[in-house]
PDB file of N, CA and C in Angstrom:
ATOM      1  N   UNK A   1     -12.281  -6.498  -2.911  1.00  0.00           N
ATOM      2  CA  UNK A   1     -12.861  -5.184  -3.033  1.00  0.00           C
ATOM      3  C   UNK A   1     -11.736  -4.154  -3.052  1.00  0.00           C
ATOM      4  N   UNK A   2     -11.718  -3.297  -4.039  1.00  0.00           N
ATOM      5  CA  UNK A   2     -10.745  -2.223  -4.132  1.00  0.00           C
ATOM      6  C   UNK A   2     -11.345  -0.978  -3.489  1.00  0.00           C
ATOM      7  N   UNK A   3     -10.578  -0.317  -2.643  1.00  0.00           N
ATOM      8  CA  UNK A   3     -11.062   0.864  -1.938  1.00  0.00           C
ATOM      9  C   UNK A   3     -10.948   2.094  -2.813  1.00  0.00           C
ATOM     10  N   UNK A   4     -12.035   2.814  -2.918  1.00  0.00           N
ATOM     11  CA  UNK A   4     -12.057   4.030  -3.724  1.00  0.00           C
ATOM     12  C   UNK A   4     -11.568   5.241  -2.943  1.00  0.00           C
ATOM     13  N   UNK A   5     -11.548   5.173  -1.600  1.00  0.00           N
ATOM     14  CA  UNK A   5     -11.125   6.312  -0.789  1.00  0.00           C
ATOM     15  C   UNK A   5      -9.654   6.651  -1.005  1.00  0.00           C
ATOM     16  N   UNK A   6      -8.871   5.655  -1.316  1.00  0.00           N
ATOM     17  CA  UNK A   6      -7.447   5.873  -1.526  1.00  0.00           C
ATOM     18  C   UNK A   6      -7.229   6.445  -2.916  1.00  0.00           C
ATOM     19  N   UNK A   7      -6.637   7.624  -2.994  1.00  0.00           N
ATOM     20  CA  UNK A   7      -6.447   8.272  -4.287  1.00  0.00           C
ATOM     21  C   UNK A   7      -5.009   8.182  -4.784  1.00  0.00           C
ATOM     22  N   UNK A   8      -4.221   7.293  -4.208  1.00  0.00           N
ATOM     23  CA  UNK A   8      -2.848   7.091  -4.656  1.00  0.00           C
ATOM     24  C   UNK A   8      -2.770   5.823  -5.501  1.00  0.00           C
ATOM     25  N   UNK A   9      -2.600   5.956  -6.811  1.00  0.00           N
ATOM     26  CA  UNK A   9      -2.546   4.754  -7.642  1.00  0.00           C
ATOM     27  C   UNK A   9      -1.326   3.890  -7.348  1.00  0.00           C
ATOM     28  N   UNK A  10      -0.292   4.461  -6.725  1.00  0.00           N
ATOM     29  CA  UNK A  10       0.911   3.696  -6.429  1.00  0.00           C
ATOM     30  C   UNK A  10       0.849   2.982  -5.079  1.00  0.00           C
ATOM     31  N   UNK A  11      -0.259   3.128  -4.373  1.00  0.00           N
ATOM     32  CA  UNK A  11      -0.463   2.425  -3.109  1.00  0.00           C
ATOM     33  C   UNK A  11      -1.901   1.920  -3.101  1.00  0.00           C
ATOM     34  N   UNK A  12      -2.079   0.715  -3.638  1.00  0.00           N
ATOM     35  CA  UNK A  12      -3.423   0.156  -3.788  1.00  0.00           C
ATOM     36  C   UNK A  12      -3.882  -0.492  -2.484  1.00  0.00           C
ATOM     37  N   UNK A  13      -5.183  -0.432  -2.257  1.00  0.00           N
ATOM     38  CA  UNK A  13      -5.799  -1.045  -1.089  1.00  0.00           C
ATOM     39  C   UNK A  13      -6.877  -1.993  -1.583  1.00  0.00           C
ATOM     40  N   UNK A  14      -6.763  -3.266  -1.176  1.00  0.00           N
ATOM     41  CA  UNK A  14      -7.752  -4.268  -1.578  1.00  0.00           C
ATOM     42  C   UNK A  14      -8.127  -5.112  -0.373  1.00  0.00           C
ATOM     43  N   UNK A  15      -9.410  -5.446  -0.272  1.00  0.00           N
ATOM     44  CA  UNK A  15      -9.878  -6.398   0.731  1.00  0.00           C
ATOM     45  C   UNK A  15     -10.163  -7.713   0.037  1.00  0.00           C
ATOM     46  N   UNK A  16      -9.587  -8.764   0.588  1.00  0.00           N
ATOM     47  CA  UNK A  16      -9.833 -10.126   0.099  1.00  0.00           C
ATOM     48  C   UNK A  16     -10.254 -10.938   1.315  1.00  0.00           C
ATOM     49  N   UNK A  17     -11.561 -11.061   1.477  1.00  0.00           N
ATOM     50  CA  UNK A  17     -12.073 -11.683   2.693  1.00  0.00           C
ATOM     51  C   UNK A  17     -11.747 -10.783   3.875  1.00  0.00           C
ATOM     52  N   UNK A  18     -11.157 -11.371   4.920  1.00  0.00           N
ATOM     53  CA  UNK A  18     -10.793 -10.611   6.117  1.00  0.00           C
ATOM     54  C   UNK A  18      -9.365 -10.076   6.062  1.00  0.00           C
ATOM     55  N   UNK A  19      -8.759 -10.094   4.883  1.00  0.00           N
ATOM     56  CA  UNK A  19      -7.380  -9.649   4.722  1.00  0.00           C
ATOM     57  C   UNK A  19      -7.362  -8.323   3.976  1.00  0.00           C
ATOM     58  N   UNK A  20      -6.722  -7.315   4.565  1.00  0.00           N
ATOM     59  CA  UNK A  20      -6.538  -6.012   3.917  1.00  0.00           C
ATOM     60  C   UNK A  20      -5.145  -6.010   3.293  1.00  0.00           C
ATOM     61  N   UNK A  21      -5.094  -5.877   1.985  1.00  0.00           N
ATOM     62  CA  UNK A  21      -3.836  -5.833   1.239  1.00  0.00           C
ATOM     63  C   UNK A  21      -3.481  -4.386   0.945  1.00  0.00           C
ATOM     64  N   UNK A  22      -2.297  -3.958   1.343  1.00  0.00           N
ATOM     65  CA  UNK A  22      -1.732  -2.665   0.978  1.00  0.00           C
ATOM     66  C   UNK A  22      -0.616  -2.982  -0.014  1.00  0.00           C
ATOM     67  N   UNK A  23      -0.817  -2.586  -1.261  1.00  0.00           N
ATOM     68  CA  UNK A  23       0.070  -3.010  -2.343  1.00  0.00           C
ATOM     69  C   UNK A  23       0.824  -1.805  -2.889  1.00  0.00           C
ATOM     70  N   UNK A  24       2.126  -1.809  -2.700  1.00  0.00           N
ATOM     71  CA  UNK A  24       2.989  -0.765  -3.249  1.00  0.00           C
ATOM     72  C   UNK A  24       3.127  -1.065  -4.737  1.00  0.00           C
ATOM     73  N   UNK A  25       2.615  -0.172  -5.571  1.00  0.00           N
ATOM     74  CA  UNK A  25       2.543  -0.439  -7.013  1.00  0.00           C
ATOM     75  C   UNK A  25       3.294   0.644  -7.790  1.00  0.00           C
ATOM     76  N   UNK A  26       4.612   0.548  -7.733  1.00  0.00           N
ATOM     77  CA  UNK A  26       5.494   1.481  -8.430  1.00  0.00           C
ATOM     78  C   UNK A  26       6.657   0.671  -9.018  1.00  0.00           C
ATOM     79  N   UNK A  27       6.348  -0.382  -9.806  1.00  0.00           N
ATOM     80  CA  UNK A  27       7.398  -1.311 -10.231  1.00  0.00           C
ATOM     81  C   UNK A  27       8.484  -0.685 -11.105  1.00  0.00           C
ATOM     82  N   UNK A  28       8.181   0.400 -11.795  1.00  0.00           N
ATOM     83  CA  UNK A  28       9.225   1.035 -12.609  1.00  0.00           C
ATOM     84  C   UNK A  28      10.336   1.612 -11.732  1.00  0.00           C
ATOM     85  N   UNK A  29      10.044   1.846 -10.466  1.00  0.00           N
ATOM     86  CA  UNK A  29      11.027   2.343  -9.486  1.00  0.00           C
ATOM     87  C   UNK A  29      11.290   1.292  -8.406  1.00  0.00           C
ATOM     88  N   UNK A  30      11.074   0.016  -8.752  1.00  0.00           N
ATOM     89  CA  UNK A  30      11.231  -1.095  -7.807  1.00  0.00           C
ATOM     90  C   UNK A  30      10.371  -0.902  -6.564  1.00  0.00           C
ATOM     91  N   UNK A  31       9.218  -0.267  -6.737  1.00  0.00           N
ATOM     92  CA  UNK A  31       8.248  -0.015  -5.668  1.00  0.00           C
ATOM     93  C   UNK A  31       8.769   0.936  -4.592  1.00  0.00           C
ATOM     94  N   UNK A  32       9.627   1.861  -4.992  1.00  0.00           N
ATOM     95  CA  UNK A  32      10.109   2.871  -4.043  1.00  0.00           C
ATOM     96  C   UNK A  32       8.941   3.750  -3.601  1.00  0.00           C
ATOM     97  N   UNK A  33       8.960   4.126  -2.331  1.00  0.00           N
ATOM     98  CA  UNK A  33       7.907   4.966  -1.762  1.00  0.00           C
ATOM     99  C   UNK A  33       8.134   6.428  -2.113  1.00  0.00           C
ATOM    100  N   UNK A  34       7.070   7.097  -2.530  1.00  0.00           N
ATOM    101  CA  UNK A  34       7.099   8.549  -2.687  1.00  0.00           C
ATOM    102  C   UNK A  34       6.733   9.164  -1.337  1.00  0.00           C
ATOM    103  N   UNK A  35       6.931  10.462  -1.198  1.00  0.00           N
ATOM    104  CA  UNK A  35       6.557  11.133   0.050  1.00  0.00           C
ATOM    105  C   UNK A  35       5.057  11.012   0.310  1.00  0.00           C
ATOM    106  N   UNK A  36       4.251  11.092  -0.736  1.00  0.00           N
ATOM    107  CA  UNK A  36       2.796  10.953  -0.578  1.00  0.00           C
ATOM    108  C   UNK A  36       2.435   9.556  -0.083  1.00  0.00           C
ATOM    109  N   UNK A  37       3.144   8.548  -0.562  1.00  0.00           N
ATOM    110  CA  UNK A  37       2.883   7.179  -0.112  1.00  0.00           C
ATOM    111  C   UNK A  37       3.252   7.018   1.358  1.00  0.00           C
ATOM    112  N   UNK A  38       4.425   7.561   1.759  1.00  0.00           N
ATOM    113  CA  UNK A  38       4.832   7.507   3.169  1.00  0.00           C
ATOM    114  C   UNK A  38       3.796   8.189   4.053  1.00  0.00           C
ATOM    115  N   UNK A  39       3.276   9.320   3.596  1.00  0.00           N
ATOM    116  CA  UNK A  39       2.294  10.071   4.376  1.00  0.00           C
ATOM    117  C   UNK A  39       0.976   9.317   4.498  1.00  0.00           C
ATOM    118  N   UNK A  40       0.583   8.590   3.462  1.00  0.00           N
ATOM    119  CA  UNK A  40      -0.700   7.886   3.453  1.00  0.00           C
ATOM    120  C   UNK A  40      -0.661   6.571   4.228  1.00  0.00           C
ATOM    121  N   UNK A  41       0.492   5.945   4.338  1.00  0.00           N
ATOM    122  CA  UNK A  41       0.574   4.611   4.933  1.00  0.00           C
ATOM    123  C   UNK A  41       0.034   4.538   6.364  1.00  0.00           C
ATOM    124  N   UNK A  42       0.388   5.444   7.286  1.00  0.00           N
ATOM    125  CA  UNK A  42      -0.176   5.354   8.639  1.00  0.00           C
ATOM    126  C   UNK A  42      -1.703   5.438   8.656  1.00  0.00           C
ATOM    127  N   UNK A  43      -2.268   6.300   7.818  1.00  0.00           N
ATOM    128  CA  UNK A  43      -3.733   6.418   7.753  1.00  0.00           C
ATOM    129  C   UNK A  43      -4.352   5.117   7.265  1.00  0.00           C
ATOM    130  N   UNK A  44      -3.764   4.514   6.242  1.00  0.00           N
ATOM    131  CA  UNK A  44      -4.311   3.270   5.699  1.00  0.00           C
ATOM    132  C   UNK A  44      -4.226   2.133   6.714  1.00  0.00           C
ATOM    133  N   UNK A  45      -3.147   2.085   7.465  1.00  0.00           N
ATOM    134  CA  UNK A  45      -3.014   1.062   8.509  1.00  0.00           C
ATOM    135  C   UNK A  45      -4.025   1.311   9.620  1.00  0.00           C
ATOM    136  N   UNK A  46      -4.174   2.559  10.029  1.00  0.00           N
ATOM    137  CA  UNK A  46      -5.151   2.904  11.080  1.00  0.00           C
ATOM    138  C   UNK A  46      -6.567   2.520  10.651  1.00  0.00           C
ATOM    139  N   UNK A  47      -6.920   2.818   9.389  1.00  0.00           N
ATOM    140  CA  UNK A  47      -8.246   2.453   8.884  1.00  0.00           C
ATOM    141  C   UNK A  47      -8.451   0.945   8.930  1.00  0.00           C
ATOM    142  N   UNK A  48      -7.429   0.192   8.591  1.00  0.00           N
ATOM    143  CA  UNK A  48      -7.539  -1.268   8.641  1.00  0.00           C
ATOM    144  C   UNK A  48      -7.701  -1.750  10.079  1.00  0.00           C
ATOM    145  N   UNK A  49      -6.952  -1.151  11.005  1.00  0.00           N
ATOM    146  CA  UNK A  49      -7.054  -1.528  12.419  1.00  0.00           C
ATOM    147  C   UNK A  49      -8.444  -1.251  12.979  1.00  0.00           C
ATOM    148  N   UNK A  50      -9.077  -0.195  12.504  1.00  0.00           N
ATOM    149  CA  UNK A  50     -10.391   0.198  13.016  1.00  0.00           C
ATOM    150  C   UNK A  50     -11.544  -0.534  12.339  1.00  0.00           C
ATOM    151  N   UNK A  51     -11.269  -1.258  11.278  1.00  0.00           N
ATOM    152  CA  UNK A  51     -12.309  -1.992  10.550  1.00  0.00           C
ATOM    153  C   UNK A  51     -12.496  -3.363  11.200  1.00  0.00           C
ATOM    154  N   UNK A  52     -13.663  -3.640  11.795  1.00  0.00           N
ATOM    155  CA  UNK A  52     -13.864  -4.913  12.482  1.00  0.00           C
ATOM    156  C   UNK A  52     -13.832  -6.129  11.553  1.00  0.00           C
ATOM    157  N   UNK A  53     -13.985  -5.921  10.269  1.00  0.00           N
ATOM    158  CA  UNK A  53     -13.945  -7.032   9.314  1.00  0.00           C
ATOM    159  C   UNK A  53     -12.514  -7.455   8.975  1.00  0.00           C
ATOM    160  N   UNK A  54     -11.554  -6.575   9.192  1.00  0.00           N
ATOM    161  CA  UNK A  54     -10.161  -6.862   8.830  1.00  0.00           C
ATOM    162  C   UNK A  54      -9.481  -7.602   9.971  1.00  0.00           C
ATOM    163  N   UNK A  55      -8.912  -8.767   9.658  1.00  0.00           N
ATOM    164  CA  UNK A  55      -8.213  -9.578  10.657  1.00  0.00           C
ATOM    165  C   UNK A  55      -6.698  -9.568  10.449  1.00  0.00           C
ATOM    166  N   UNK A  56      -6.273  -9.301   9.208  1.00  0.00           N
ATOM    167  CA  UNK A  56      -4.849  -9.328   8.862  1.00  0.00           C
ATOM    168  C   UNK A  56      -4.558  -8.174   7.906  1.00  0.00           C
ATOM    169  N   UNK A  57      -3.403  -7.540   8.072  1.00  0.00           N
ATOM    170  CA  UNK A  57      -2.933  -6.515   7.138  1.00  0.00           C
ATOM    171  C   UNK A  57      -1.673  -7.055   6.467  1.00  0.00           C
ATOM    172  N   UNK A  58      -1.659  -7.047   5.136  1.00  0.00           N
ATOM    173  CA  UNK A  58      -0.488  -7.488   4.375  1.00  0.00           C
ATOM    174  C   UNK A  58       0.044  -6.294   3.596  1.00  0.00           C
ATOM    175  N   UNK A  59       1.323  -6.005   3.765  1.00  0.00           N
ATOM    176  CA  UNK A  59       1.998  -4.974   2.982  1.00  0.00           C
ATOM    177  C   UNK A  59       2.909  -5.697   2.003  1.00  0.00           C
ATOM    178  N   UNK A  60       2.677  -5.484   0.713  1.00  0.00           N
ATOM    179  CA  UNK A  60       3.445  -6.192  -0.313  1.00  0.00           C
ATOM    180  C   UNK A  60       3.745  -5.259  -1.470  1.00  0.00           C
ATOM    181  N   UNK A  61       4.630  -5.692  -2.335  1.00  0.00           N
ATOM    182  CA  UNK A  61       4.975  -4.918  -3.519  1.00  0.00           C
ATOM    183  C   UNK A  61       4.450  -5.578  -4.773  1.00  0.00           C
ATOM    184  N   UNK A  62       4.116  -4.764  -5.766  1.00  0.00           N
ATOM    185  CA  UNK A  62       3.669  -5.280  -7.062  1.00  0.00           C
ATOM    186  C   UNK A  62       4.891  -5.663  -7.894  1.00  0.00           C
ATOM    187  N   UNK A  63       4.665  -6.522  -8.870  1.00  0.00           N
ATOM    188  CA  UNK A  63       5.751  -6.914  -9.761  1.00  0.00           C
ATOM    189  C   UNK A  63       6.573  -8.052  -9.190  1.00  0.00           C
ATOM    190  N   UNK A  64       7.606  -8.410  -9.930  1.00  0.00           N
ATOM    191  CA  UNK A  64       8.407  -9.583  -9.584  1.00  0.00           C
ATOM    192  C   UNK A  64       9.805  -9.255  -9.062  1.00  0.00           C
ATOM    193  N   UNK A  65      10.272  -8.014  -9.239  1.00  0.00           N
ATOM    194  CA  UNK A  65      11.677  -7.718  -8.948  1.00  0.00           C
ATOM    195  C   UNK A  65      11.973  -7.408  -7.490  1.00  0.00           C
ATOM    196  N   UNK A  66      11.120  -6.615  -6.834  1.00  0.00           N
ATOM    197  CA  UNK A  66      11.472  -6.152  -5.494  1.00  0.00           C
ATOM    198  C   UNK A  66      10.227  -5.802  -4.696  1.00  0.00           C
ATOM    199  N   UNK A  67      10.345  -5.942  -3.359  1.00  0.00           N
ATOM    200  CA  UNK A  67       9.291  -5.427  -2.487  1.00  0.00           C
ATOM    201  C   UNK A  67       9.374  -3.906  -2.494  1.00  0.00           C
ATOM    202  N   UNK A  68      10.496  -3.362  -2.030  1.00  0.00           N
ATOM    203  CA  UNK A  68      10.716  -1.916  -2.043  1.00  0.00           C
ATOM    204  C   UNK A  68      12.137  -1.633  -1.567  1.00  0.00           C
ATOM    205  N   UNK A  69      12.835  -0.719  -2.226  1.00  0.00           N
ATOM    206  CA  UNK A  69      14.155  -0.332  -1.735  1.00  0.00           C
ATOM    207  C   UNK A  69      14.080   0.747  -0.657  1.00  0.00           C
ATOM    208  N   UNK A  70      12.881   1.276  -0.416  1.00  0.00           N
ATOM    209  CA  UNK A  70      12.701   2.362   0.546  1.00  0.00           C
ATOM    210  C   UNK A  70      12.122   3.579  -0.144  1.00  0.00           C
ATOM    211  N   UNK A  71      12.712   4.729   0.124  1.00  0.00           N
ATOM    212  CA  UNK A  71      12.179   5.990  -0.404  1.00  0.00           C
ATOM    213  C   UNK A  71      12.689   6.269  -1.812  1.00  0.00           C
ATOM    214  N   UNK A  72      11.836   6.890  -2.609  1.00  0.00           N
ATOM    215  CA  UNK A  72      12.210   7.377  -3.931  1.00  0.00           C
ATOM    216  C   UNK A  72      12.726   8.802  -3.745  1.00  0.00           C
ATOM    217  N   UNK A  73      14.039   8.950  -3.720  1.00  0.00           N
ATOM    218  CA  UNK A  73      14.649  10.256  -3.476  1.00  0.00           C
ATOM    219  C   UNK A  73      14.958  10.893  -4.820  1.00  0.00           C
ATOM    220  N   UNK A  74      14.244  11.983  -5.151  1.00  0.00           N
ATOM    221  CA  UNK A  74      14.491  12.624  -6.443  1.00  0.00           C
ATOM    222  C   UNK A  74      15.883  13.239  -6.500  1.00  0.00           C
ATOM    223  N   UNK A  75      16.397  13.341  -7.721  1.00  0.00           N
ATOM    224  CA  UNK A  75      17.738  13.916  -7.916  1.00  0.00           C
ATOM    225  C   UNK A  75      17.742  15.396  -7.641  1.00  0.00           C
TER     226      UNK A  75
END
């Protein structure tokens, strides 16, 4: 199940059974976090913690090259 509450396309939220997947989806930047993504992450984790159906939270990156180098710092 994909969550519609999350309005950040670069940080997808999916439920697969009792597993909540938080997927960093910014492969053109090696999944670097934007400031909006950093701001949203604590809320998304808190929502997963408060959901009685969620037993595991997985944070992963989309694509094949990298999980994440960290923050996307604009020039």
